[in-house]
Amino acid sequence: MIIITSEVVITPEHWQEALDQTRAHVEASRLEPGCISHRFLISPEIEHCLFFYEEWRDRAAIDRHFQQDYSKAISKNLTAWAMNKVKIGFHHVLD
């Protein structure tokens, strides 16, 4: 299993758009083959900060996920709306 974590702080003027797109992205991602878990959290400490937590069966599932149009769109938009450099981490879990 591979866990992906990411964090991004969104500009206030794009906050609602980011939330709407994030909700749709998470719901669609959960339906993908190889997705074990996909969720996002709003930081209680940092204003306009989204944190993503994803669990994927393997790298092939992640590669398919990143090729989806909605994955490409959210990546592009969140990067454009970010107030910081998007932090992303890949964590390999041994069985």
PDB file of N, CA and C in Angstrom:
ATOM      1  N   MET A   1       0.850  -1.178   0.000  1.00  0.00           N
ATOM      2  CA  MET A   1       0.000   0.000   0.000  1.00  0.00           C
ATOM      3  C   MET A   1       0.891   1.235   0.000  1.00  0.00           C
ATOM      4  N   ILE A   2       0.399   2.263  -0.673  1.00  0.00           N
ATOM      5  CA  ILE A   2       1.095   3.551  -0.711  1.00  0.00           C
ATOM      6  C   ILE A   2       0.140   4.611  -0.183  1.00  0.00           C
ATOM      7  N   ILE A   3       0.628   5.411   0.745  1.00  0.00           N
ATOM      8  CA  ILE A   3      -0.145   6.518   1.298  1.00  0.00           C
ATOM      9  C   ILE A   3       0.400   7.813   0.699  1.00  0.00           C
ATOM     10  N   ILE A   4      -0.502   8.644   0.230  1.00  0.00           N
ATOM     11  CA  ILE A   4      -0.129   9.967  -0.263  1.00  0.00           C
ATOM     12  C   ILE A   4      -0.707  10.993   0.697  1.00  0.00           C
ATOM     13  N   THR A   5       0.128  11.917   1.134  1.00  0.00           N
ATOM     14  CA  THR A   5      -0.343  13.048   1.930  1.00  0.00           C
ATOM     15  C   THR A   5       0.029  14.320   1.182  1.00  0.00           C
ATOM     16  N   SER A   6      -0.831  15.295   1.261  1.00  0.00           N
ATOM     17  CA  SER A   6      -0.502  16.587   0.665  1.00  0.00           C
ATOM     18  C   SER A   6      -1.195  17.698   1.438  1.00  0.00           C
ATOM     19  N   GLU A   7      -0.602  18.865   1.329  1.00  0.00           N
ATOM     20  CA  GLU A   7      -1.098  20.031   2.057  1.00  0.00           C
ATOM     21  C   GLU A   7      -0.928  21.266   1.180  1.00  0.00           C
ATOM     22  N   VAL A   8      -1.945  22.108   1.177  1.00  0.00           N
ATOM     23  CA  VAL A   8      -1.884  23.338   0.402  1.00  0.00           C
ATOM     24  C   VAL A   8      -2.719  24.414   1.096  1.00  0.00           C
ATOM     25  N   VAL A   9      -2.199  25.628   1.101  1.00  0.00           N
ATOM     26  CA  VAL A   9      -2.933  26.788   1.621  1.00  0.00           C
ATOM     27  C   VAL A   9      -3.448  27.561   0.411  1.00  0.00           C
ATOM     28  N   ILE A  10      -4.745  27.774   0.383  1.00  0.00           N
ATOM     29  CA  ILE A  10      -5.423  28.381  -0.764  1.00  0.00           C
ATOM     30  C   ILE A  10      -5.677  29.869  -0.512  1.00  0.00           C
ATOM     31  N   THR A  11      -5.554  30.661  -1.558  1.00  0.00           N
ATOM     32  CA  THR A  11      -5.872  32.083  -1.437  1.00  0.00           C
ATOM     33  C   THR A  11      -7.350  32.234  -1.066  1.00  0.00           C
ATOM     34  N   PRO A  12      -7.673  33.212  -0.229  1.00  0.00           N
ATOM     35  CA  PRO A  12      -9.062  33.368   0.221  1.00  0.00           C
ATOM     36  C   PRO A  12     -10.075  33.511  -0.915  1.00  0.00           C
ATOM     37  N   GLU A  13      -9.695  34.193  -1.986  1.00  0.00           N
ATOM     38  CA  GLU A  13     -10.658  34.421  -3.070  1.00  0.00           C
ATOM     39  C   GLU A  13     -10.986  33.146  -3.852  1.00  0.00           C
ATOM     40  N   HIS A  14     -10.184  32.108  -3.718  1.00  0.00           N
ATOM     41  CA  HIS A  14     -10.447  30.842  -4.410  1.00  0.00           C
ATOM     42  C   HIS A  14     -10.850  29.720  -3.455  1.00  0.00           C
ATOM     43  N   TRP A  15     -11.057  30.055  -2.189  1.00  0.00           N
ATOM     44  CA  TRP A  15     -11.338  29.036  -1.178  1.00  0.00           C
ATOM     45  C   TRP A  15     -12.576  28.203  -1.508  1.00  0.00           C
ATOM     46  N   GLN A  16     -13.689  28.840  -1.822  1.00  0.00           N
ATOM     47  CA  GLN A  16     -14.919  28.088  -2.081  1.00  0.00           C
ATOM     48  C   GLN A  16     -14.779  27.219  -3.331  1.00  0.00           C
ATOM     49  N   GLU A  17     -14.161  27.748  -4.375  1.00  0.00           N
ATOM     50  CA  GLU A  17     -13.917  26.945  -5.576  1.00  0.00           C
ATOM     51  C   GLU A  17     -13.060  25.723  -5.249  1.00  0.00           C
ATOM     52  N   ALA A  18     -12.036  25.941  -4.436  1.00  0.00           N
ATOM     53  CA  ALA A  18     -11.147  24.839  -4.053  1.00  0.00           C
ATOM     54  C   ALA A  18     -11.912  23.772  -3.272  1.00  0.00           C
ATOM     55  N   LEU A  19     -12.754  24.195  -2.350  1.00  0.00           N
ATOM     56  CA  LEU A  19     -13.554  23.235  -1.583  1.00  0.00           C
ATOM     57  C   LEU A  19     -14.492  22.439  -2.487  1.00  0.00           C
ATOM     58  N   ASP A  20     -15.178  23.127  -3.369  1.00  0.00           N
ATOM     59  CA  ASP A  20     -16.113  22.447  -4.275  1.00  0.00           C
ATOM     60  C   ASP A  20     -15.386  21.437  -5.160  1.00  0.00           C
ATOM     61  N   GLN A  21     -14.275  21.852  -5.728  1.00  0.00           N
ATOM     62  CA  GLN A  21     -13.537  20.957  -6.607  1.00  0.00           C
ATOM     63  C   GLN A  21     -12.916  19.800  -5.814  1.00  0.00           C
ATOM     64  N   THR A  22     -12.469  20.088  -4.607  1.00  0.00           N
ATOM     65  CA  THR A  22     -11.891  19.044  -3.760  1.00  0.00           C
ATOM     66  C   THR A  22     -12.929  17.987  -3.410  1.00  0.00           C
ATOM     67  N   ARG A  23     -14.107  18.398  -3.031  1.00  0.00           N
ATOM     68  CA  ARG A  23     -15.173  17.427  -2.710  1.00  0.00           C
ATOM     69  C   ARG A  23     -15.471  16.521  -3.901  1.00  0.00           C
ATOM     70  N   ALA A  24     -15.609  17.114  -5.071  1.00  0.00           N
ATOM     71  CA  ALA A  24     -15.900  16.327  -6.272  1.00  0.00           C
ATOM     72  C   ALA A  24     -14.739  15.389  -6.600  1.00  0.00           C
ATOM     73  N   HIS A  25     -13.533  15.873  -6.444  1.00  0.00           N
ATOM     74  CA  HIS A  25     -12.344  15.064  -6.722  1.00  0.00           C
ATOM     75  C   HIS A  25     -12.265  13.852  -5.793  1.00  0.00           C
ATOM     76  N   VAL A  26     -12.481  14.075  -4.520  1.00  0.00           N
ATOM     77  CA  VAL A  26     -12.403  12.990  -3.540  1.00  0.00           C
ATOM     78  C   VAL A  26     -13.486  11.938  -3.824  1.00  0.00           C
ATOM     79  N   GLU A  27     -14.695  12.383  -4.089  1.00  0.00           N
ATOM     80  CA  GLU A  27     -15.784  11.437  -4.378  1.00  0.00           C
ATOM     81  C   GLU A  27     -15.473  10.596  -5.611  1.00  0.00           C
ATOM     82  N   ALA A  28     -14.964  11.214  -6.663  1.00  0.00           N
ATOM     83  CA  ALA A  28     -14.627  10.466  -7.887  1.00  0.00           C
ATOM     84  C   ALA A  28     -13.450   9.525  -7.639  1.00  0.00           C
ATOM     85  N   SER A  29     -12.470   9.979  -6.899  1.00  0.00           N
ATOM     86  CA  SER A  29     -11.284   9.171  -6.631  1.00  0.00           C
ATOM     87  C   SER A  29     -11.628   7.905  -5.860  1.00  0.00           C
ATOM     88  N   ARG A  30     -12.557   8.001  -4.944  1.00  0.00           N
ATOM     89  CA  ARG A  30     -12.957   6.840  -4.138  1.00  0.00           C
ATOM     90  C   ARG A  30     -13.524   5.708  -4.988  1.00  0.00           C
ATOM     91  N   LEU A  31     -14.010   6.033  -6.170  1.00  0.00           N
ATOM     92  CA  LEU A  31     -14.597   5.031  -7.055  1.00  0.00           C
ATOM     93  C   LEU A  31     -13.567   4.330  -7.935  1.00  0.00           C
ATOM     94  N   GLU A  32     -12.338   4.820  -7.931  1.00  0.00           N
ATOM     95  CA  GLU A  32     -11.308   4.258  -8.795  1.00  0.00           C
ATOM     96  C   GLU A  32     -10.812   2.903  -8.287  1.00  0.00           C
ATOM     97  N   PRO A  33     -10.491   1.997  -9.217  1.00  0.00           N
ATOM     98  CA  PRO A  33      -9.871   0.734  -8.808  1.00  0.00           C
ATOM     99  C   PRO A  33      -8.526   1.018  -8.132  1.00  0.00           C
ATOM    100  N   GLY A  34      -8.284   0.358  -7.030  1.00  0.00           N
ATOM    101  CA  GLY A  34      -7.018   0.538  -6.325  1.00  0.00           C
ATOM    102  C   GLY A  34      -7.046   1.597  -5.252  1.00  0.00           C
ATOM    103  N   CYS A  35      -8.134   2.370  -5.180  1.00  0.00           N
ATOM    104  CA  CYS A  35      -8.259   3.370  -4.112  1.00  0.00           C
ATOM    105  C   CYS A  35      -8.803   2.685  -2.868  1.00  0.00           C
ATOM    106  N   ILE A  36      -8.035   2.719  -1.812  1.00  0.00           N
ATOM    107  CA  ILE A  36      -8.456   2.141  -0.539  1.00  0.00           C
ATOM    108  C   ILE A  36      -9.175   3.193   0.298  1.00  0.00           C
ATOM    109  N   SER A  37      -8.632   4.396   0.291  1.00  0.00           N
ATOM    110  CA  SER A  37      -9.203   5.493   1.075  1.00  0.00           C
ATOM    111  C   SER A  37      -8.762   6.810   0.449  1.00  0.00           C
ATOM    112  N   HIS A  38      -9.650   7.797   0.472  1.00  0.00           N
ATOM    113  CA  HIS A  38      -9.309   9.120  -0.057  1.00  0.00           C
ATOM    114  C   HIS A  38     -10.149  10.139   0.700  1.00  0.00           C
ATOM    115  N   ARG A  39      -9.487  11.046   1.371  1.00  0.00           N
ATOM    116  CA  ARG A  39     -10.227  12.068   2.118  1.00  0.00           C
ATOM    117  C   ARG A  39      -9.434  13.359   2.193  1.00  0.00           C
ATOM    118  N   PHE A  40     -10.129  14.414   2.588  1.00  0.00           N
ATOM    119  CA  PHE A  40      -9.450  15.682   2.827  1.00  0.00           C
ATOM    120  C   PHE A  40      -9.941  16.252   4.143  1.00  0.00           C
ATOM    121  N   LEU A  41      -9.101  17.073   4.722  1.00  0.00           N
ATOM    122  CA  LEU A  41      -9.422  17.734   5.983  1.00  0.00           C
ATOM    123  C   LEU A  41      -9.118  19.218   5.838  1.00  0.00           C
ATOM    124  N   ILE A  42      -9.870  20.026   6.552  1.00  0.00           N
ATOM    125  CA  ILE A  42      -9.600  21.457   6.630  1.00  0.00           C
ATOM    126  C   ILE A  42      -8.850  21.694   7.930  1.00  0.00           C
ATOM    127  N   SER A  43      -7.706  22.322   7.831  1.00  0.00           N
ATOM    128  CA  SER A  43      -6.873  22.531   9.009  1.00  0.00           C
ATOM    129  C   SER A  43      -7.571  23.421  10.038  1.00  0.00           C
ATOM    130  N   PRO A  44      -7.574  23.004  11.308  1.00  0.00           N
ATOM    131  CA  PRO A  44      -8.117  23.862  12.358  1.00  0.00           C
ATOM    132  C   PRO A  44      -7.107  24.914  12.814  1.00  0.00           C
ATOM    133  N   GLU A  45      -5.865  24.804  12.327  1.00  0.00           N
ATOM    134  CA  GLU A  45      -4.792  25.691  12.779  1.00  0.00           C
ATOM    135  C   GLU A  45      -4.351  26.718  11.745  1.00  0.00           C
ATOM    136  N   ILE A  46      -4.459  26.343  10.465  1.00  0.00           N
ATOM    137  CA  ILE A  46      -3.978  27.217   9.396  1.00  0.00           C
ATOM    138  C   ILE A  46      -5.167  27.582   8.510  1.00  0.00           C
ATOM    139  N   GLU A  47      -5.427  28.852   8.396  1.00  0.00           N
ATOM    140  CA  GLU A  47      -6.580  29.309   7.618  1.00  0.00           C
ATOM    141  C   GLU A  47      -6.432  28.939   6.140  1.00  0.00           C
ATOM    142  N   HIS A  48      -7.512  28.441   5.564  1.00  0.00           N
ATOM    143  CA  HIS A  48      -7.595  28.074   4.147  1.00  0.00           C
ATOM    144  C   HIS A  48      -6.611  26.977   3.756  1.00  0.00           C
ATOM    145  N   CYS A  49      -6.341  26.074   4.677  1.00  0.00           N
ATOM    146  CA  CYS A  49      -5.400  24.986   4.421  1.00  0.00           C
ATOM    147  C   CYS A  49      -6.145  23.665   4.256  1.00  0.00           C
ATOM    148  N   LEU A  50      -5.868  22.983   3.151  1.00  0.00           N
ATOM    149  CA  LEU A  50      -6.432  21.659   2.881  1.00  0.00           C
ATOM    150  C   LEU A  50      -5.340  20.614   3.071  1.00  0.00           C
ATOM    151  N   PHE A  51      -5.715  19.513   3.697  1.00  0.00           N
ATOM    152  CA  PHE A  51      -4.808  18.381   3.876  1.00  0.00           C
ATOM    153  C   PHE A  51      -5.479  17.164   3.260  1.00  0.00           C
ATOM    154  N   PHE A  52      -4.755  16.459   2.401  1.00  0.00           N
ATOM    155  CA  PHE A  52      -5.274  15.266   1.749  1.00  0.00           C
ATOM    156  C   PHE A  52      -4.582  14.029   2.310  1.00  0.00           C
ATOM    157  N   TYR A  53      -5.364  12.976   2.488  1.00  0.00           N
ATOM    158  CA  TYR A  53      -4.845  11.683   2.925  1.00  0.00           C
ATOM    159  C   TYR A  53      -5.441  10.630   2.002  1.00  0.00           C
ATOM    160  N   GLU A  54      -4.565   9.881   1.317  1.00  0.00           N
ATOM    161  CA  GLU A  54      -5.012   8.883   0.351  1.00  0.00           C
ATOM    162  C   GLU A  54      -4.272   7.572   0.594  1.00  0.00           C
ATOM    163  N   GLU A  55      -4.977   6.466   0.426  1.00  0.00           N
ATOM    164  CA  GLU A  55      -4.365   5.146   0.479  1.00  0.00           C
ATOM    165  C   GLU A  55      -4.644   4.440  -0.844  1.00  0.00           C
ATOM    166  N   TRP A  56      -3.576   3.939  -1.470  1.00  0.00           N
ATOM    167  CA  TRP A  56      -3.680   3.287  -2.768  1.00  0.00           C
ATOM    168  C   TRP A  56      -3.042   1.904  -2.713  1.00  0.00           C
ATOM    169  N   ARG A  57      -3.613   0.976  -3.461  1.00  0.00           N
ATOM    170  CA  ARG A  57      -3.127  -0.399  -3.481  1.00  0.00           C
ATOM    171  C   ARG A  57      -1.684  -0.476  -3.964  1.00  0.00           C
ATOM    172  N   ASP A  58      -1.368   0.249  -5.069  1.00  0.00           N
ATOM    173  CA  ASP A  58      -0.026   0.157  -5.641  1.00  0.00           C
ATOM    174  C   ASP A  58       0.236   1.366  -6.543  1.00  0.00           C
ATOM    175  N   ARG A  59       1.441   1.435  -7.061  1.00  0.00           N
ATOM    176  CA  ARG A  59       1.840   2.568  -7.899  1.00  0.00           C
ATOM    177  C   ARG A  59       1.042   2.615  -9.195  1.00  0.00           C
ATOM    178  N   ALA A  60       0.676   1.465  -9.733  1.00  0.00           N
ATOM    179  CA  ALA A  60      -0.113   1.438 -10.971  1.00  0.00           C
ATOM    180  C   ALA A  60      -1.458   2.148 -10.771  1.00  0.00           C
ATOM    181  N   ALA A  61      -2.084   1.940  -9.620  1.00  0.00           N
ATOM    182  CA  ALA A  61      -3.361   2.601  -9.320  1.00  0.00           C
ATOM    183  C   ALA A  61      -3.162   4.115  -9.207  1.00  0.00           C
ATOM    184  N   ILE A  62      -2.067   4.524  -8.597  1.00  0.00           N
ATOM    185  CA  ILE A  62      -1.769   5.961  -8.472  1.00  0.00           C
ATOM    186  C   ILE A  62      -1.526   6.566  -9.852  1.00  0.00           C
ATOM    187  N   ASP A  63      -0.765   5.862 -10.678  1.00  0.00           N
ATOM    188  CA  ASP A  63      -0.499   6.376 -12.024  1.00  0.00           C
ATOM    189  C   ASP A  63      -1.792   6.556 -12.820  1.00  0.00           C
ATOM    190  N   ARG A  64      -2.718   5.582 -12.712  1.00  0.00           N
ATOM    191  CA  ARG A  64      -4.029   5.717 -13.382  1.00  0.00           C
ATOM    192  C   ARG A  64      -4.787   6.918 -12.807  1.00  0.00           C
ATOM    193  N   HIS A  65      -4.735   7.062 -11.491  1.00  0.00           N
ATOM    194  CA  HIS A  65      -5.419   8.175 -10.818  1.00  0.00           C
ATOM    195  C   HIS A  65      -4.920   9.523 -11.345  1.00  0.00           C
ATOM    196  N   PHE A  66      -3.612   9.670 -11.456  1.00  0.00           N
ATOM    197  CA  PHE A  66      -3.046  10.941 -11.911  1.00  0.00           C
ATOM    198  C   PHE A  66      -3.340  11.233 -13.383  1.00  0.00           C
ATOM    199  N   GLN A  67      -3.772  10.232 -14.138  1.00  0.00           N
ATOM    200  CA  GLN A  67      -4.118  10.439 -15.547  1.00  0.00           C
ATOM    201  C   GLN A  67      -5.584  10.847 -15.748  1.00  0.00           C
ATOM    202  N   GLN A  68      -6.380  10.778 -14.704  1.00  0.00           N
ATOM    203  CA  GLN A  68      -7.788  11.158 -14.809  1.00  0.00           C
ATOM    204  C   GLN A  68      -7.898  12.671 -15.028  1.00  0.00           C
ATOM    205  N   ASP A  69      -8.844  13.087 -15.859  1.00  0.00           N
ATOM    206  CA  ASP A  69      -9.017  14.517 -16.142  1.00  0.00           C
ATOM    207  C   ASP A  69      -9.258  15.321 -14.871  1.00  0.00           C
ATOM    208  N   TYR A  70     -10.058  14.784 -13.938  1.00  0.00           N
ATOM    209  CA  TYR A  70     -10.336  15.538 -12.716  1.00  0.00           C
ATOM    210  C   TYR A  70      -9.104  15.648 -11.826  1.00  0.00           C
ATOM    211  N   SER A  71      -8.201  14.669 -11.886  1.00  0.00           N
ATOM    212  CA  SER A  71      -6.950  14.768 -11.118  1.00  0.00           C
ATOM    213  C   SER A  71      -6.035  15.834 -11.714  1.00  0.00           C
ATOM    214  N   LYS A  72      -5.960  15.852 -13.033  1.00  0.00           N
ATOM    215  CA  LYS A  72      -5.147  16.875 -13.693  1.00  0.00           C
ATOM    216  C   LYS A  72      -5.698  18.277 -13.408  1.00  0.00           C
ATOM    217  N   ALA A  73      -7.018  18.408 -13.441  1.00  0.00           N
ATOM    218  CA  ALA A  73      -7.646  19.719 -13.229  1.00  0.00           C
ATOM    219  C   ALA A  73      -7.423  20.223 -11.803  1.00  0.00           C
ATOM    220  N   ILE A  74      -7.626  19.359 -10.813  1.00  0.00           N
ATOM    221  CA  ILE A  74      -7.464  19.831  -9.445  1.00  0.00           C
ATOM    222  C   ILE A  74      -6.003  20.152  -9.146  1.00  0.00           C
ATOM    223  N   SER A  75      -5.097  19.374  -9.685  1.00  0.00           N
ATOM    224  CA  SER A  75      -3.676  19.645  -9.482  1.00  0.00           C
ATOM    225  C   SER A  75      -3.309  21.015 -10.051  1.00  0.00           C
ATOM    226  N   LYS A  76      -3.762  21.271 -11.264  1.00  0.00           N
ATOM    227  CA  LYS A  76      -3.487  22.561 -11.909  1.00  0.00           C
ATOM    228  C   LYS A  76      -4.102  23.716 -11.114  1.00  0.00           C
ATOM    229  N   ASN A  77      -5.373  23.558 -10.722  1.00  0.00           N
ATOM    230  CA  ASN A  77      -6.061  24.651 -10.039  1.00  0.00           C
ATOM    231  C   ASN A  77      -5.516  24.900  -8.637  1.00  0.00           C
ATOM    232  N   LEU A  78      -5.320  23.836  -7.856  1.00  0.00           N
ATOM    233  CA  LEU A  78      -4.811  24.046  -6.500  1.00  0.00           C
ATOM    234  C   LEU A  78      -3.414  24.652  -6.518  1.00  0.00           C
ATOM    235  N   THR A  79      -2.616  24.273  -7.492  1.00  0.00           N
ATOM    236  CA  THR A  79      -1.281  24.875  -7.628  1.00  0.00           C
ATOM    237  C   THR A  79      -1.408  26.360  -7.966  1.00  0.00           C
ATOM    238  N   ALA A  80      -2.321  26.691  -8.859  1.00  0.00           N
ATOM    239  CA  ALA A  80      -2.521  28.091  -9.249  1.00  0.00           C
ATOM    240  C   ALA A  80      -3.094  28.923  -8.103  1.00  0.00           C
ATOM    241  N   TRP A  81      -3.933  28.318  -7.282  1.00  0.00           N
ATOM    242  CA  TRP A  81      -4.583  29.045  -6.188  1.00  0.00           C
ATOM    243  C   TRP A  81      -3.782  29.012  -4.888  1.00  0.00           C
ATOM    244  N   ALA A  82      -2.669  28.330  -4.878  1.00  0.00           N
ATOM    245  CA  ALA A  82      -1.908  28.123  -3.643  1.00  0.00           C
ATOM    246  C   ALA A  82      -1.163  29.382  -3.210  1.00  0.00           C
ATOM    247  N   MET A  83      -1.103  29.541  -1.897  1.00  0.00           N
ATOM    248  CA  MET A  83      -0.300  30.611  -1.300  1.00  0.00           C
ATOM    249  C   MET A  83       1.085  30.086  -0.914  1.00  0.00           C
ATOM    250  N   ASN A  84       1.263  28.785  -1.019  1.00  0.00           N
ATOM    251  CA  ASN A  84       2.531  28.146  -0.676  1.00  0.00           C
ATOM    252  C   ASN A  84       2.840  27.102  -1.740  1.00  0.00           C
ATOM    253  N   LYS A  85       4.026  26.547  -1.648  1.00  0.00           N
ATOM    254  CA  LYS A  85       4.347  25.421  -2.519  1.00  0.00           C
ATOM    255  C   LYS A  85       3.582  24.213  -1.988  1.00  0.00           C
ATOM    256  N   VAL A  86       2.871  23.521  -2.876  1.00  0.00           N
ATOM    257  CA  VAL A  86       2.090  22.353  -2.470  1.00  0.00           C
ATOM    258  C   VAL A  86       3.055  21.293  -1.938  1.00  0.00           C
ATOM    259  N   LYS A  87       2.758  20.802  -0.732  1.00  0.00           N
ATOM    260  CA  LYS A  87       3.566  19.744  -0.134  1.00  0.00           C
ATOM    261  C   LYS A  87       2.901  18.408  -0.441  1.00  0.00           C
ATOM    262  N   ILE A  88       3.687  17.455  -0.939  1.00  0.00           N
ATOM    263  CA  ILE A  88       3.153  16.134  -1.230  1.00  0.00           C
ATOM    264  C   ILE A  88       4.176  15.088  -0.812  1.00  0.00           C
ATOM    265  N   GLY A  89       3.672  14.012  -0.208  1.00  0.00           N
ATOM    266  CA  GLY A  89       4.553  12.947   0.227  1.00  0.00           C
ATOM    267  C   GLY A  89       3.996  11.589  -0.153  1.00  0.00           C
ATOM    268  N   PHE A  90       4.885  10.694  -0.532  1.00  0.00           N
ATOM    269  CA  PHE A  90       4.524   9.305  -0.842  1.00  0.00           C
ATOM    270  C   PHE A  90       5.138   8.434   0.237  1.00  0.00           C
ATOM    271  N   HIS A  91       4.318   7.620   0.887  1.00  0.00           N
ATOM    272  CA  HIS A  91       4.762   6.797   2.009  1.00  0.00           C
ATOM    273  C   HIS A  91       4.437   5.337   1.682  1.00  0.00           C
ATOM    274  N   HIS A  92       5.451   4.532   1.558  1.00  0.00           N
ATOM    275  CA  HIS A  92       5.274   3.110   1.238  1.00  0.00           C
ATOM    276  C   HIS A  92       5.116   2.321   2.529  1.00  0.00           C
ATOM    277  N   VAL A  93       4.012   1.593   2.609  1.00  0.00           N
ATOM    278  CA  VAL A  93       3.719   0.801   3.789  1.00  0.00           C
ATOM    279  C   VAL A  93       4.028  -0.663   3.479  1.00  0.00           C
ATOM    280  N   LEU A  94       4.846  -1.264   4.305  1.00  0.00           N
ATOM    281  CA  LEU A  94       5.198  -2.664   4.114  1.00  0.00           C
ATOM    282  C   LEU A  94       4.143  -3.555   4.740  1.00  0.00           C
ATOM    283  N   ASP A  95       3.786  -4.608   4.038  1.00  0.00           N
ATOM    284  CA  ASP A  95       2.789  -5.556   4.562  1.00  0.00           C
ATOM    285  C   ASP A  95       3.419  -6.469   5.589  1.00  0.00           C
TER     286      ASP A  95
END
